[in-house]
Amino acid sequence: MPVAELHVHSEYSYDGRDPVELIVAQAAAVGIDALAITDHDDFRAAAELQRLAPPAGIVPIAGMEVTSAAGHVLALGIDAPIAAGQSFAATLEAIAAAGGISVIPHPFQRSRHGVAAQVGPASMAAADAVEVYNSRLLTGRSNRRAARFARRAGLAQTAGSDAHIAEMVGQAVTVVDAPAGDAASILTAVAAGATRVEGSRTPWRISLRQFGGGVRRRIGHVLSEW
């Protein structure tokens, strides 16, 4: 069964560090079969991933982490970028129209733009899947809440490293009961709930490094636009 890493940020995210090439190399080194790079409101990594992943034996999955009006939503398997700032419902509709599936990442972490603070369970249940294990955790409470919600709502469950540096790629993965040949079959299985999540906590020193580096890059990004 293919092992998929569905939540990674490259240098195209305002808080990411590493180029797509380095992320692909790390994914290959740790045995990832399918990889999505989900930059914040940026789709540029998709073309590079399509070029670099297959020679490394990895299935590329085009993606983004979209900032909806309610918070963050992962868009996986899309064929075009999704506009930021739309309502939660409109974001899910746009992802589906672009041929993708929607995954709610870290839904109960308000400080990381989790959507649960803004939308109710019925609205969240319209997504295709919920990220129930995000490796960038403090106590694990939010992950447990996400898993309980996914079970109650009958939603598919995924995991993701939420890596902002290449070293953390593969820290949390989604094992998919599907052929490993193409992104479409993998994502169809994900949406159907044919998944198993595996992961471990991002080490504290790495979390702090990712956070600190993200803050510096975010400030630099803001200053560059003045």
N, C-alpha and C. Protein backbone atom coordinates (compact mmCIF):
# COMPACT_ATOMS: atom_id res chain seq x y z
N MET A 1 0.85 -1.20 0.00
CA MET A 1 0.00 0.00 0.00
C MET A 1 0.89 1.25 0.00
N PRO A 2 0.55 2.23 -0.82
CA PRO A 2 1.39 3.43 -0.90
C PRO A 2 1.34 4.25 0.37
N VAL A 3 2.50 4.82 0.68
CA VAL A 3 2.64 5.73 1.82
C VAL A 3 2.65 7.15 1.27
N ALA A 4 1.68 7.95 1.69
CA ALA A 4 1.53 9.30 1.16
C ALA A 4 1.85 10.35 2.21
N GLU A 5 2.63 11.33 1.82
CA GLU A 5 2.89 12.52 2.64
C GLU A 5 2.06 13.64 2.02
N LEU A 6 1.03 14.11 2.74
CA LEU A 6 0.02 14.97 2.16
C LEU A 6 0.04 16.42 2.66
N HIS A 7 1.07 16.78 3.45
CA HIS A 7 1.07 18.14 4.00
C HIS A 7 2.52 18.60 4.20
N VAL A 8 3.03 19.29 3.19
CA VAL A 8 4.42 19.76 3.19
C VAL A 8 4.48 21.15 2.59
N HIS A 9 5.38 21.97 3.11
CA HIS A 9 5.57 23.33 2.60
C HIS A 9 6.97 23.49 2.03
N SER A 10 7.05 24.17 0.90
CA SER A 10 8.34 24.46 0.27
C SER A 10 8.70 25.93 0.46
N GLU A 11 9.73 26.35 -0.22
CA GLU A 11 10.16 27.75 -0.16
C GLU A 11 9.11 28.71 -0.73
N TYR A 12 8.12 28.17 -1.44
CA TYR A 12 7.06 29.04 -1.98
C TYR A 12 6.04 29.45 -0.92
N SER A 13 6.04 28.78 0.22
CA SER A 13 5.23 29.24 1.35
C SER A 13 5.97 30.37 2.05
N TYR A 14 5.23 31.34 2.56
CA TYR A 14 5.88 32.46 3.24
C TYR A 14 6.67 32.00 4.47
N ASP A 15 6.30 30.81 5.00
CA ASP A 15 7.01 30.32 6.18
C ASP A 15 7.77 29.02 5.91
N GLY A 16 7.93 28.67 4.63
CA GLY A 16 8.70 27.48 4.26
C GLY A 16 10.14 27.83 3.95
N ARG A 17 10.99 26.81 3.88
CA ARG A 17 12.41 27.09 3.69
C ARG A 17 13.02 26.48 2.44
N ASP A 18 12.68 25.22 2.13
CA ASP A 18 13.49 24.46 1.19
C ASP A 18 12.87 24.33 -0.20
N PRO A 19 13.71 24.18 -1.23
CA PRO A 19 13.20 24.02 -2.59
C PRO A 19 12.55 22.65 -2.79
N VAL A 20 11.75 22.57 -3.82
CA VAL A 20 11.03 21.32 -4.13
C VAL A 20 12.01 20.18 -4.33
N GLU A 21 13.11 20.45 -4.98
CA GLU A 21 14.10 19.41 -5.26
C GLU A 21 14.59 18.73 -3.98
N LEU A 22 14.85 19.52 -2.94
CA LEU A 22 15.32 18.96 -1.68
C LEU A 22 14.22 18.18 -0.98
N ILE A 23 13.00 18.65 -1.07
CA ILE A 23 11.87 17.95 -0.46
C ILE A 23 11.66 16.60 -1.12
N VAL A 24 11.74 16.55 -2.44
CA VAL A 24 11.60 15.28 -3.16
C VAL A 24 12.70 14.31 -2.76
N ALA A 25 13.93 14.81 -2.65
CA ALA A 25 15.04 13.95 -2.27
C ALA A 25 14.82 13.36 -0.88
N GLN A 26 14.34 14.17 0.04
CA GLN A 26 14.06 13.67 1.39
C GLN A 26 12.93 12.65 1.38
N ALA A 27 11.88 12.92 0.60
CA ALA A 27 10.76 11.99 0.51
C ALA A 27 11.21 10.64 -0.02
N ALA A 28 12.06 10.65 -1.02
CA ALA A 28 12.58 9.40 -1.57
C ALA A 28 13.42 8.66 -0.53
N ALA A 29 14.20 9.42 0.23
CA ALA A 29 15.09 8.81 1.22
C ALA A 29 14.34 8.12 2.34
N VAL A 30 13.15 8.61 2.67
CA VAL A 30 12.39 8.02 3.79
C VAL A 30 11.27 7.11 3.32
N GLY A 31 11.23 6.80 2.02
CA GLY A 31 10.29 5.81 1.52
C GLY A 31 8.89 6.29 1.24
N ILE A 32 8.73 7.56 0.90
CA ILE A 32 7.42 8.09 0.54
C ILE A 32 7.08 7.67 -0.89
N ASP A 33 5.86 7.19 -1.09
CA ASP A 33 5.41 6.76 -2.43
C ASP A 33 4.65 7.85 -3.17
N ALA A 34 3.97 8.72 -2.44
CA ALA A 34 3.20 9.80 -3.06
C ALA A 34 3.37 11.05 -2.21
N LEU A 35 3.52 12.19 -2.87
CA LEU A 35 3.87 13.42 -2.17
C LEU A 35 3.04 14.60 -2.67
N ALA A 36 2.47 15.33 -1.71
CA ALA A 36 1.79 16.59 -2.02
C ALA A 36 2.55 17.72 -1.37
N ILE A 37 2.84 18.75 -2.14
CA ILE A 37 3.41 19.98 -1.58
C ILE A 37 2.27 21.00 -1.52
N THR A 38 1.98 21.44 -0.31
CA THR A 38 0.77 22.23 -0.06
C THR A 38 1.15 23.61 0.47
N ASP A 39 1.69 24.42 -0.40
CA ASP A 39 2.12 25.75 0.02
C ASP A 39 0.93 26.65 0.29
N HIS A 40 1.15 27.62 1.18
CA HIS A 40 0.10 28.56 1.54
C HIS A 40 -0.27 29.44 0.35
N ASP A 41 -1.47 29.20 -0.19
CA ASP A 41 -2.02 30.04 -1.25
C ASP A 41 -1.06 30.23 -2.42
N ASP A 42 -0.32 29.20 -2.73
CA ASP A 42 0.66 29.26 -3.81
C ASP A 42 0.72 27.90 -4.51
N PHE A 43 0.62 27.92 -5.82
CA PHE A 43 0.53 26.68 -6.60
C PHE A 43 1.78 26.41 -7.42
N ARG A 44 2.83 27.22 -7.24
CA ARG A 44 3.99 27.09 -8.11
C ARG A 44 4.72 25.77 -7.95
N ALA A 45 4.67 25.17 -6.79
CA ALA A 45 5.41 23.92 -6.58
C ALA A 45 4.86 22.77 -7.42
N ALA A 46 3.60 22.86 -7.84
CA ALA A 46 2.97 21.74 -8.53
C ALA A 46 3.72 21.34 -9.80
N ALA A 47 4.11 22.31 -10.60
CA ALA A 47 4.81 22.00 -11.85
C ALA A 47 6.17 21.39 -11.58
N GLU A 48 6.89 21.91 -10.59
CA GLU A 48 8.20 21.35 -10.26
C GLU A 48 8.07 19.93 -9.71
N LEU A 49 7.06 19.71 -8.89
CA LEU A 49 6.85 18.38 -8.34
C LEU A 49 6.53 17.38 -9.44
N GLN A 50 5.74 17.80 -10.41
CA GLN A 50 5.39 16.93 -11.53
C GLN A 50 6.63 16.52 -12.31
N ARG A 51 7.60 17.41 -12.39
CA ARG A 51 8.84 17.14 -13.12
C ARG A 51 9.83 16.31 -12.31
N LEU A 52 9.92 16.58 -11.02
CA LEU A 52 10.97 15.99 -10.21
C LEU A 52 10.59 14.69 -9.51
N ALA A 53 9.30 14.52 -9.20
CA ALA A 53 8.91 13.35 -8.40
C ALA A 53 8.97 12.02 -9.14
N PRO A 54 8.44 11.92 -10.36
CA PRO A 54 8.45 10.60 -11.02
C PRO A 54 9.84 9.99 -11.19
N PRO A 55 10.88 10.74 -11.58
CA PRO A 55 12.20 10.12 -11.66
C PRO A 55 12.70 9.58 -10.33
N ALA A 56 12.17 10.11 -9.23
CA ALA A 56 12.55 9.63 -7.90
C ALA A 56 11.65 8.49 -7.43
N GLY A 57 10.73 8.04 -8.30
CA GLY A 57 9.83 6.96 -7.93
C GLY A 57 8.68 7.39 -7.05
N ILE A 58 8.33 8.65 -7.10
CA ILE A 58 7.27 9.21 -6.25
C ILE A 58 6.13 9.73 -7.11
N VAL A 59 4.89 9.44 -6.69
CA VAL A 59 3.71 9.95 -7.38
C VAL A 59 3.48 11.40 -6.93
N PRO A 60 3.46 12.36 -7.87
CA PRO A 60 3.23 13.75 -7.48
C PRO A 60 1.73 14.04 -7.32
N ILE A 61 1.39 14.77 -6.28
CA ILE A 61 0.01 15.19 -6.05
C ILE A 61 0.01 16.71 -5.97
N ALA A 62 -0.63 17.35 -6.93
CA ALA A 62 -0.69 18.81 -6.94
C ALA A 62 -1.57 19.29 -5.80
N GLY A 63 -1.09 20.30 -5.08
CA GLY A 63 -1.87 20.75 -3.93
C GLY A 63 -1.55 22.16 -3.49
N MET A 64 -2.34 22.62 -2.53
CA MET A 64 -2.17 23.93 -1.88
C MET A 64 -2.77 23.83 -0.49
N GLU A 65 -2.34 24.72 0.40
CA GLU A 65 -3.07 24.96 1.63
C GLU A 65 -3.76 26.31 1.46
N VAL A 66 -5.06 26.25 1.29
CA VAL A 66 -5.84 27.43 0.92
C VAL A 66 -6.33 28.14 2.18
N THR A 67 -6.18 29.44 2.22
CA THR A 67 -6.68 30.23 3.34
C THR A 67 -8.10 30.68 3.02
N SER A 68 -9.07 29.95 3.54
CA SER A 68 -10.46 30.35 3.39
C SER A 68 -10.79 31.40 4.44
N ALA A 69 -11.97 31.98 4.35
CA ALA A 69 -12.38 32.98 5.34
C ALA A 69 -12.49 32.37 6.73
N ALA A 70 -12.66 31.05 6.80
CA ALA A 70 -12.80 30.37 8.09
C ALA A 70 -11.50 29.78 8.60
N GLY A 71 -10.50 29.66 7.73
CA GLY A 71 -9.25 29.03 8.12
C GLY A 71 -8.68 28.20 6.98
N HIS A 72 -7.74 27.33 7.31
CA HIS A 72 -6.99 26.60 6.30
C HIS A 72 -7.70 25.33 5.83
N VAL A 73 -7.57 25.08 4.53
CA VAL A 73 -8.09 23.86 3.90
C VAL A 73 -7.05 23.35 2.92
N LEU A 74 -6.72 22.07 3.01
CA LEU A 74 -5.82 21.46 2.03
C LEU A 74 -6.61 21.10 0.78
N ALA A 75 -6.08 21.48 -0.37
CA ALA A 75 -6.65 21.13 -1.66
C ALA A 75 -5.69 20.17 -2.34
N LEU A 76 -6.10 18.94 -2.54
CA LEU A 76 -5.22 17.90 -3.09
C LEU A 76 -5.75 17.40 -4.43
N GLY A 77 -4.85 17.27 -5.41
CA GLY A 77 -5.25 16.76 -6.72
C GLY A 77 -5.89 17.79 -7.61
N ILE A 78 -5.70 19.06 -7.31
CA ILE A 78 -6.32 20.13 -8.10
C ILE A 78 -5.53 20.37 -9.39
N ASP A 79 -6.23 20.90 -10.40
CA ASP A 79 -5.56 21.19 -11.68
C ASP A 79 -5.40 22.69 -11.91
N ALA A 80 -5.74 23.50 -10.90
CA ALA A 80 -5.61 24.95 -10.99
C ALA A 80 -5.59 25.50 -9.58
N PRO A 81 -4.98 26.67 -9.37
CA PRO A 81 -4.94 27.24 -8.02
C PRO A 81 -6.32 27.64 -7.53
N ILE A 82 -6.48 27.61 -6.22
CA ILE A 82 -7.73 27.99 -5.57
C ILE A 82 -7.53 29.35 -4.91
N ALA A 83 -8.45 30.26 -5.15
CA ALA A 83 -8.33 31.61 -4.61
C ALA A 83 -8.51 31.61 -3.10
N ALA A 84 -7.71 32.42 -2.44
CA ALA A 84 -7.84 32.60 -0.99
C ALA A 84 -8.97 33.56 -0.68
N GLY A 85 -9.44 33.52 0.58
CA GLY A 85 -10.40 34.50 1.06
C GLY A 85 -11.86 34.17 0.82
N GLN A 86 -12.13 33.06 0.16
CA GLN A 86 -13.52 32.66 -0.05
C GLN A 86 -14.09 32.05 1.23
N SER A 87 -15.41 31.95 1.29
CA SER A 87 -16.03 31.28 2.41
C SER A 87 -15.58 29.81 2.44
N PHE A 88 -15.78 29.18 3.59
CA PHE A 88 -15.40 27.78 3.72
C PHE A 88 -16.14 26.94 2.68
N ALA A 89 -17.45 27.14 2.56
CA ALA A 89 -18.24 26.36 1.61
C ALA A 89 -17.79 26.60 0.18
N ALA A 90 -17.54 27.87 -0.17
CA ALA A 90 -17.10 28.18 -1.53
C ALA A 90 -15.73 27.60 -1.82
N THR A 91 -14.87 27.54 -0.80
CA THR A 91 -13.54 26.94 -0.98
C THR A 91 -13.67 25.46 -1.29
N LEU A 92 -14.52 24.75 -0.55
CA LEU A 92 -14.72 23.32 -0.84
C LEU A 92 -15.27 23.12 -2.25
N GLU A 93 -16.19 23.98 -2.65
CA GLU A 93 -16.76 23.88 -4.00
C GLU A 93 -15.70 24.13 -5.06
N ALA A 94 -14.84 25.11 -4.83
CA ALA A 94 -13.79 25.42 -5.80
C ALA A 94 -12.79 24.27 -5.92
N ILE A 95 -12.48 23.63 -4.81
CA ILE A 95 -11.56 22.49 -4.84
C ILE A 95 -12.17 21.35 -5.65
N ALA A 96 -13.43 21.06 -5.41
CA ALA A 96 -14.10 20.00 -6.17
C ALA A 96 -14.15 20.34 -7.66
N ALA A 97 -14.43 21.61 -7.98
CA ALA A 97 -14.50 22.02 -9.39
C ALA A 97 -13.15 21.91 -10.08
N ALA A 98 -12.06 22.01 -9.30
CA ALA A 98 -10.71 21.88 -9.86
C ALA A 98 -10.24 20.43 -9.87
N GLY A 99 -11.16 19.51 -9.61
CA GLY A 99 -10.84 18.09 -9.69
C GLY A 99 -10.17 17.51 -8.48
N GLY A 100 -10.19 18.26 -7.35
CA GLY A 100 -9.47 17.80 -6.17
C GLY A 100 -10.36 17.33 -5.04
N ILE A 101 -9.72 16.96 -3.95
CA ILE A 101 -10.42 16.64 -2.72
C ILE A 101 -9.98 17.62 -1.64
N SER A 102 -10.86 17.83 -0.67
CA SER A 102 -10.59 18.79 0.40
C SER A 102 -10.31 18.06 1.70
N VAL A 103 -9.26 18.50 2.38
CA VAL A 103 -8.87 17.94 3.68
C VAL A 103 -8.74 19.09 4.66
N ILE A 104 -9.35 18.95 5.83
CA ILE A 104 -9.26 19.98 6.85
C ILE A 104 -8.05 19.69 7.74
N PRO A 105 -7.01 20.53 7.67
CA PRO A 105 -5.83 20.29 8.51
C PRO A 105 -5.99 20.93 9.88
N HIS A 106 -5.38 20.33 10.90
CA HIS A 106 -5.37 20.84 12.27
C HIS A 106 -6.63 21.65 12.60
N PRO A 107 -7.82 21.02 12.48
CA PRO A 107 -9.06 21.79 12.58
C PRO A 107 -9.30 22.45 13.92
N PHE A 108 -8.77 21.89 15.01
CA PHE A 108 -9.06 22.41 16.33
C PHE A 108 -7.92 23.23 16.93
N GLN A 109 -6.99 23.64 16.09
CA GLN A 109 -5.89 24.50 16.55
C GLN A 109 -6.15 25.92 16.04
N ARG A 110 -6.78 26.69 16.89
CA ARG A 110 -7.15 28.06 16.52
C ARG A 110 -5.93 28.88 16.11
N SER A 111 -4.81 28.71 16.83
CA SER A 111 -3.62 29.50 16.57
C SER A 111 -3.01 29.20 15.21
N ARG A 112 -3.42 28.07 14.60
CA ARG A 112 -2.89 27.69 13.29
C ARG A 112 -3.99 27.73 12.24
N HIS A 113 -5.00 28.56 12.48
CA HIS A 113 -6.07 28.80 11.51
C HIS A 113 -6.93 27.56 11.28
N GLY A 114 -7.16 26.79 12.34
CA GLY A 114 -8.09 25.68 12.24
C GLY A 114 -9.51 26.18 12.04
N VAL A 115 -10.28 25.53 11.19
CA VAL A 115 -11.59 26.06 10.82
C VAL A 115 -12.66 25.85 11.87
N ALA A 116 -12.44 24.95 12.83
CA ALA A 116 -13.49 24.63 13.80
C ALA A 116 -13.91 25.84 14.63
N ALA A 117 -13.04 26.82 14.76
CA ALA A 117 -13.38 28.02 15.52
C ALA A 117 -14.40 28.89 14.78
N GLN A 118 -14.54 28.67 13.48
CA GLN A 118 -15.39 29.53 12.65
C GLN A 118 -16.60 28.82 12.05
N VAL A 119 -16.52 27.53 11.86
CA VAL A 119 -17.64 26.80 11.24
C VAL A 119 -18.04 25.63 12.11
N GLY A 120 -19.28 25.23 12.02
CA GLY A 120 -19.80 24.15 12.85
C GLY A 120 -19.53 22.78 12.26
N PRO A 121 -19.86 21.74 13.04
CA PRO A 121 -19.62 20.37 12.60
C PRO A 121 -20.30 20.02 11.28
N ALA A 122 -21.51 20.51 11.06
CA ALA A 122 -22.23 20.18 9.82
C ALA A 122 -21.48 20.72 8.61
N SER A 123 -20.96 21.94 8.73
CA SER A 123 -20.20 22.51 7.61
C SER A 123 -18.89 21.76 7.40
N MET A 124 -18.20 21.44 8.49
CA MET A 124 -16.95 20.70 8.38
C MET A 124 -17.15 19.35 7.73
N ALA A 125 -18.29 18.74 7.99
CA ALA A 125 -18.57 17.41 7.45
C ALA A 125 -18.72 17.40 5.93
N ALA A 126 -18.78 18.59 5.32
CA ALA A 126 -18.87 18.67 3.86
C ALA A 126 -17.51 18.45 3.20
N ALA A 127 -16.43 18.48 3.97
CA ALA A 127 -15.10 18.21 3.41
C ALA A 127 -14.96 16.72 3.11
N ASP A 128 -13.93 16.39 2.34
CA ASP A 128 -13.71 14.98 1.99
C ASP A 128 -12.98 14.21 3.08
N ALA A 129 -12.15 14.90 3.86
CA ALA A 129 -11.35 14.21 4.87
C ALA A 129 -10.89 15.20 5.93
N VAL A 130 -10.44 14.66 7.05
CA VAL A 130 -9.91 15.46 8.15
C VAL A 130 -8.51 14.95 8.48
N GLU A 131 -7.60 15.88 8.66
CA GLU A 131 -6.26 15.52 9.12
C GLU A 131 -6.35 15.25 10.62
N VAL A 132 -6.21 13.99 11.02
CA VAL A 132 -6.37 13.62 12.42
C VAL A 132 -5.04 13.46 13.13
N TYR A 133 -3.95 13.48 12.38
CA TYR A 133 -2.63 13.47 13.01
C TYR A 133 -1.73 14.45 12.28
N ASN A 134 -1.44 15.55 12.96
CA ASN A 134 -0.49 16.54 12.48
C ASN A 134 0.71 16.46 13.40
N SER A 135 1.90 16.26 12.85
CA SER A 135 3.05 15.98 13.70
C SER A 135 3.54 17.18 14.48
N ARG A 136 3.10 18.37 14.12
CA ARG A 136 3.51 19.56 14.86
C ARG A 136 2.52 19.80 16.00
N LEU A 137 2.63 18.98 17.03
CA LEU A 137 1.68 19.01 18.14
C LEU A 137 2.37 19.39 19.44
N LEU A 138 1.56 19.84 20.38
CA LEU A 138 2.07 20.13 21.72
C LEU A 138 1.73 18.97 22.65
N THR A 139 0.43 18.75 22.87
CA THR A 139 0.00 17.67 23.76
C THR A 139 -0.67 16.52 23.03
N GLY A 140 -1.10 16.76 21.80
CA GLY A 140 -1.85 15.75 21.07
C GLY A 140 -3.35 15.87 21.24
N ARG A 141 -3.79 16.77 22.10
CA ARG A 141 -5.23 16.93 22.37
C ARG A 141 -6.00 17.30 21.10
N SER A 142 -5.45 18.24 20.33
CA SER A 142 -6.15 18.67 19.12
C SER A 142 -6.25 17.54 18.10
N ASN A 143 -5.21 16.74 18.01
CA ASN A 143 -5.27 15.58 17.11
C ASN A 143 -6.35 14.61 17.56
N ARG A 144 -6.44 14.36 18.86
CA ARG A 144 -7.46 13.44 19.36
C ARG A 144 -8.87 13.98 19.10
N ARG A 145 -9.06 15.28 19.27
CA ARG A 145 -10.36 15.88 18.96
C ARG A 145 -10.69 15.72 17.48
N ALA A 146 -9.69 15.91 16.63
CA ALA A 146 -9.91 15.76 15.19
C ALA A 146 -10.30 14.33 14.84
N ALA A 147 -9.64 13.36 15.47
CA ALA A 147 -9.96 11.96 15.21
C ALA A 147 -11.37 11.62 15.67
N ARG A 148 -11.77 12.12 16.84
CA ARG A 148 -13.13 11.87 17.32
C ARG A 148 -14.16 12.48 16.39
N PHE A 149 -13.88 13.71 15.94
CA PHE A 149 -14.82 14.36 15.02
C PHE A 149 -14.93 13.57 13.72
N ALA A 150 -13.82 13.14 13.16
CA ALA A 150 -13.84 12.40 11.90
C ALA A 150 -14.64 11.11 12.05
N ARG A 151 -14.47 10.42 13.16
CA ARG A 151 -15.23 9.18 13.37
C ARG A 151 -16.72 9.46 13.46
N ARG A 152 -17.10 10.48 14.24
CA ARG A 152 -18.52 10.82 14.39
C ARG A 152 -19.14 11.24 13.06
N ALA A 153 -18.38 12.01 12.29
CA ALA A 153 -18.91 12.53 11.02
C ALA A 153 -18.78 11.53 9.87
N GLY A 154 -18.09 10.42 10.10
CA GLY A 154 -17.89 9.43 9.04
C GLY A 154 -16.98 9.92 7.94
N LEU A 155 -16.02 10.76 8.31
CA LEU A 155 -15.10 11.33 7.33
C LEU A 155 -13.80 10.55 7.27
N ALA A 156 -13.19 10.56 6.10
CA ALA A 156 -11.88 9.93 5.92
C ALA A 156 -10.85 10.63 6.79
N GLN A 157 -9.80 9.87 7.17
CA GLN A 157 -8.77 10.39 8.06
C GLN A 157 -7.42 10.39 7.37
N THR A 158 -6.67 11.48 7.55
CA THR A 158 -5.33 11.58 6.99
C THR A 158 -4.36 12.05 8.06
N ALA A 159 -3.07 11.95 7.73
CA ALA A 159 -2.01 12.49 8.57
C ALA A 159 -1.09 13.33 7.69
N GLY A 160 -0.34 14.21 8.33
CA GLY A 160 0.62 15.01 7.58
C GLY A 160 1.70 15.55 8.49
N SER A 161 2.89 15.64 7.98
CA SER A 161 3.99 16.16 8.78
C SER A 161 3.88 17.66 8.98
N ASP A 162 3.20 18.35 8.04
CA ASP A 162 3.15 19.82 8.07
C ASP A 162 4.58 20.36 8.09
N ALA A 163 5.45 19.69 7.35
CA ALA A 163 6.87 20.06 7.35
C ALA A 163 7.08 21.40 6.66
N HIS A 164 7.87 22.25 7.31
CA HIS A 164 8.29 23.51 6.72
C HIS A 164 9.78 23.50 6.41
N ILE A 165 10.43 22.41 6.76
CA ILE A 165 11.82 22.16 6.37
C ILE A 165 11.89 20.71 5.90
N ALA A 166 12.79 20.45 4.98
CA ALA A 166 12.81 19.14 4.32
C ALA A 166 13.05 17.99 5.28
N GLU A 167 13.82 18.22 6.35
CA GLU A 167 14.15 17.13 7.27
C GLU A 167 12.92 16.48 7.89
N MET A 168 11.82 17.20 7.97
CA MET A 168 10.63 16.67 8.64
C MET A 168 9.64 16.01 7.69
N VAL A 169 9.96 15.93 6.41
CA VAL A 169 9.10 15.22 5.47
C VAL A 169 9.03 13.75 5.89
N GLY A 170 7.82 13.22 5.96
CA GLY A 170 7.63 11.83 6.35
C GLY A 170 7.42 11.63 7.84
N GLN A 171 7.36 12.70 8.61
CA GLN A 171 7.17 12.58 10.05
C GLN A 171 5.78 12.03 10.38
N ALA A 172 4.80 12.33 9.54
CA ALA A 172 3.46 11.77 9.68
C ALA A 172 2.93 11.47 8.28
N VAL A 173 2.41 10.27 8.09
CA VAL A 173 2.03 9.83 6.75
C VAL A 173 0.66 9.16 6.76
N THR A 174 0.08 9.08 5.57
CA THR A 174 -1.18 8.40 5.36
C THR A 174 -0.92 7.17 4.51
N VAL A 175 -1.20 6.00 5.05
CA VAL A 175 -1.04 4.75 4.32
C VAL A 175 -2.38 4.47 3.63
N VAL A 176 -2.33 4.31 2.31
CA VAL A 176 -3.55 4.25 1.51
C VAL A 176 -3.74 2.87 0.91
N ASP A 177 -4.92 2.34 1.03
CA ASP A 177 -5.25 1.04 0.45
C ASP A 177 -5.68 1.25 -0.99
N ALA A 178 -4.68 1.40 -1.86
CA ALA A 178 -4.92 1.69 -3.28
C ALA A 178 -3.67 1.36 -4.06
N PRO A 179 -3.81 1.18 -5.38
CA PRO A 179 -2.61 1.04 -6.20
C PRO A 179 -1.78 2.31 -6.12
N ALA A 180 -0.48 2.17 -6.28
CA ALA A 180 0.41 3.33 -6.15
C ALA A 180 0.68 4.02 -7.48
N GLY A 181 -0.06 3.66 -8.51
CA GLY A 181 0.29 4.11 -9.84
C GLY A 181 0.05 5.57 -10.15
N ASP A 182 -0.99 6.18 -9.60
CA ASP A 182 -1.30 7.56 -9.98
C ASP A 182 -2.02 8.28 -8.85
N ALA A 183 -1.98 9.60 -8.94
CA ALA A 183 -2.56 10.42 -7.88
C ALA A 183 -4.07 10.22 -7.78
N ALA A 184 -4.74 10.07 -8.92
CA ALA A 184 -6.20 9.96 -8.91
C ALA A 184 -6.67 8.76 -8.10
N SER A 185 -6.03 7.61 -8.31
CA SER A 185 -6.46 6.42 -7.57
C SER A 185 -6.16 6.54 -6.09
N ILE A 186 -5.04 7.16 -5.76
CA ILE A 186 -4.68 7.36 -4.35
C ILE A 186 -5.68 8.28 -3.68
N LEU A 187 -6.02 9.39 -4.32
CA LEU A 187 -6.93 10.35 -3.70
C LEU A 187 -8.36 9.82 -3.65
N THR A 188 -8.74 9.01 -4.62
CA THR A 188 -10.07 8.38 -4.56
C THR A 188 -10.16 7.49 -3.33
N ALA A 189 -9.11 6.75 -3.07
CA ALA A 189 -9.08 5.88 -1.90
C ALA A 189 -9.06 6.70 -0.61
N VAL A 190 -8.33 7.81 -0.61
CA VAL A 190 -8.30 8.67 0.57
C VAL A 190 -9.70 9.17 0.88
N ALA A 191 -10.39 9.70 -0.12
CA ALA A 191 -11.73 10.23 0.09
C ALA A 191 -12.71 9.15 0.54
N ALA A 192 -12.46 7.91 0.13
CA ALA A 192 -13.32 6.80 0.52
C ALA A 192 -13.01 6.28 1.92
N GLY A 193 -11.97 6.82 2.52
CA GLY A 193 -11.62 6.42 3.88
C GLY A 193 -10.77 5.17 3.97
N ALA A 194 -10.17 4.77 2.85
CA ALA A 194 -9.33 3.58 2.85
C ALA A 194 -7.91 3.96 3.25
N THR A 195 -7.77 4.42 4.48
CA THR A 195 -6.50 4.97 4.95
C THR A 195 -6.16 4.45 6.35
N ARG A 196 -4.89 4.56 6.66
CA ARG A 196 -4.38 4.35 8.02
C ARG A 196 -3.35 5.43 8.28
N VAL A 197 -3.41 6.06 9.44
CA VAL A 197 -2.48 7.15 9.73
C VAL A 197 -1.35 6.65 10.62
N GLU A 198 -0.16 7.16 10.35
CA GLU A 198 1.02 6.83 11.14
C GLU A 198 1.82 8.11 11.33
N GLY A 199 2.38 8.28 12.51
CA GLY A 199 3.19 9.47 12.71
C GLY A 199 3.80 9.56 14.08
N SER A 200 4.70 10.52 14.21
CA SER A 200 5.33 10.81 15.49
C SER A 200 5.54 12.31 15.60
N ARG A 201 5.63 12.76 16.82
CA ARG A 201 5.75 14.19 17.10
C ARG A 201 7.03 14.79 16.49
N THR A 202 6.89 15.96 15.90
CA THR A 202 8.06 16.71 15.48
C THR A 202 8.87 17.08 16.72
N PRO A 203 10.17 16.78 16.76
CA PRO A 203 10.97 17.12 17.95
C PRO A 203 10.88 18.60 18.29
N TRP A 204 10.91 18.90 19.60
CA TRP A 204 10.76 20.28 20.04
C TRP A 204 11.78 21.22 19.40
N ARG A 205 13.03 20.77 19.32
CA ARG A 205 14.06 21.66 18.77
C ARG A 205 13.77 21.98 17.31
N ILE A 206 13.20 21.02 16.59
CA ILE A 206 12.85 21.26 15.19
C ILE A 206 11.64 22.16 15.09
N SER A 207 10.65 21.93 15.96
CA SER A 207 9.47 22.80 15.97
C SER A 207 9.86 24.25 16.21
N LEU A 208 10.74 24.46 17.16
CA LEU A 208 11.18 25.82 17.47
C LEU A 208 11.94 26.41 16.29
N ARG A 209 12.76 25.59 15.64
CA ARG A 209 13.52 26.08 14.50
C ARG A 209 12.59 26.42 13.34
N GLN A 210 11.59 25.55 13.11
CA GLN A 210 10.64 25.84 12.04
C GLN A 210 9.86 27.11 12.34
N PHE A 211 9.44 27.27 13.61
CA PHE A 211 8.67 28.45 13.98
C PHE A 211 9.50 29.72 13.82
N GLY A 212 10.72 29.69 14.35
CA GLY A 212 11.58 30.86 14.27
C GLY A 212 11.92 31.24 12.84
N GLY A 213 12.24 30.23 12.05
CA GLY A 213 12.54 30.48 10.64
C GLY A 213 11.33 31.01 9.90
N GLY A 214 10.16 30.48 10.25
CA GLY A 214 8.93 30.94 9.60
C GLY A 214 8.64 32.39 9.90
N VAL A 215 8.86 32.79 11.16
CA VAL A 215 8.64 34.19 11.54
C VAL A 215 9.57 35.11 10.76
N ARG A 216 10.85 34.74 10.68
CA ARG A 216 11.80 35.58 9.95
C ARG A 216 11.42 35.69 8.47
N ARG A 217 11.04 34.56 7.88
CA ARG A 217 10.69 34.60 6.46
C ARG A 217 9.40 35.38 6.23
N ARG A 218 8.46 35.27 7.18
CA ARG A 218 7.20 36.01 7.04
C ARG A 218 7.46 37.51 7.11
N ILE A 219 8.31 37.95 8.03
CA ILE A 219 8.65 39.37 8.12
C ILE A 219 9.33 39.83 6.84
N GLY A 220 10.25 39.02 6.35
CA GLY A 220 10.93 39.36 5.10
C GLY A 220 9.96 39.47 3.93
N HIS A 221 8.97 38.57 3.92
CA HIS A 221 7.97 38.58 2.85
C HIS A 221 7.17 39.87 2.90
N VAL A 222 6.75 40.26 4.12
CA VAL A 222 5.96 41.48 4.27
C VAL A 222 6.77 42.71 3.85
N LEU A 223 8.02 42.77 4.31
CA LEU A 223 8.86 43.92 3.99
C LEU A 223 9.14 44.03 2.49
N SER A 224 9.24 42.87 1.83
CA SER A 224 9.53 42.90 0.39
C SER A 224 8.38 43.46 -0.43
N GLU A 225 7.17 43.47 0.16
CA GLU A 225 6.01 43.96 -0.57
C GLU A 225 5.72 45.42 -0.29
N TRP A 226 6.48 46.02 0.62
CA TRP A 226 6.28 47.45 0.91
C TRP A 226 6.85 48.31 -0.21
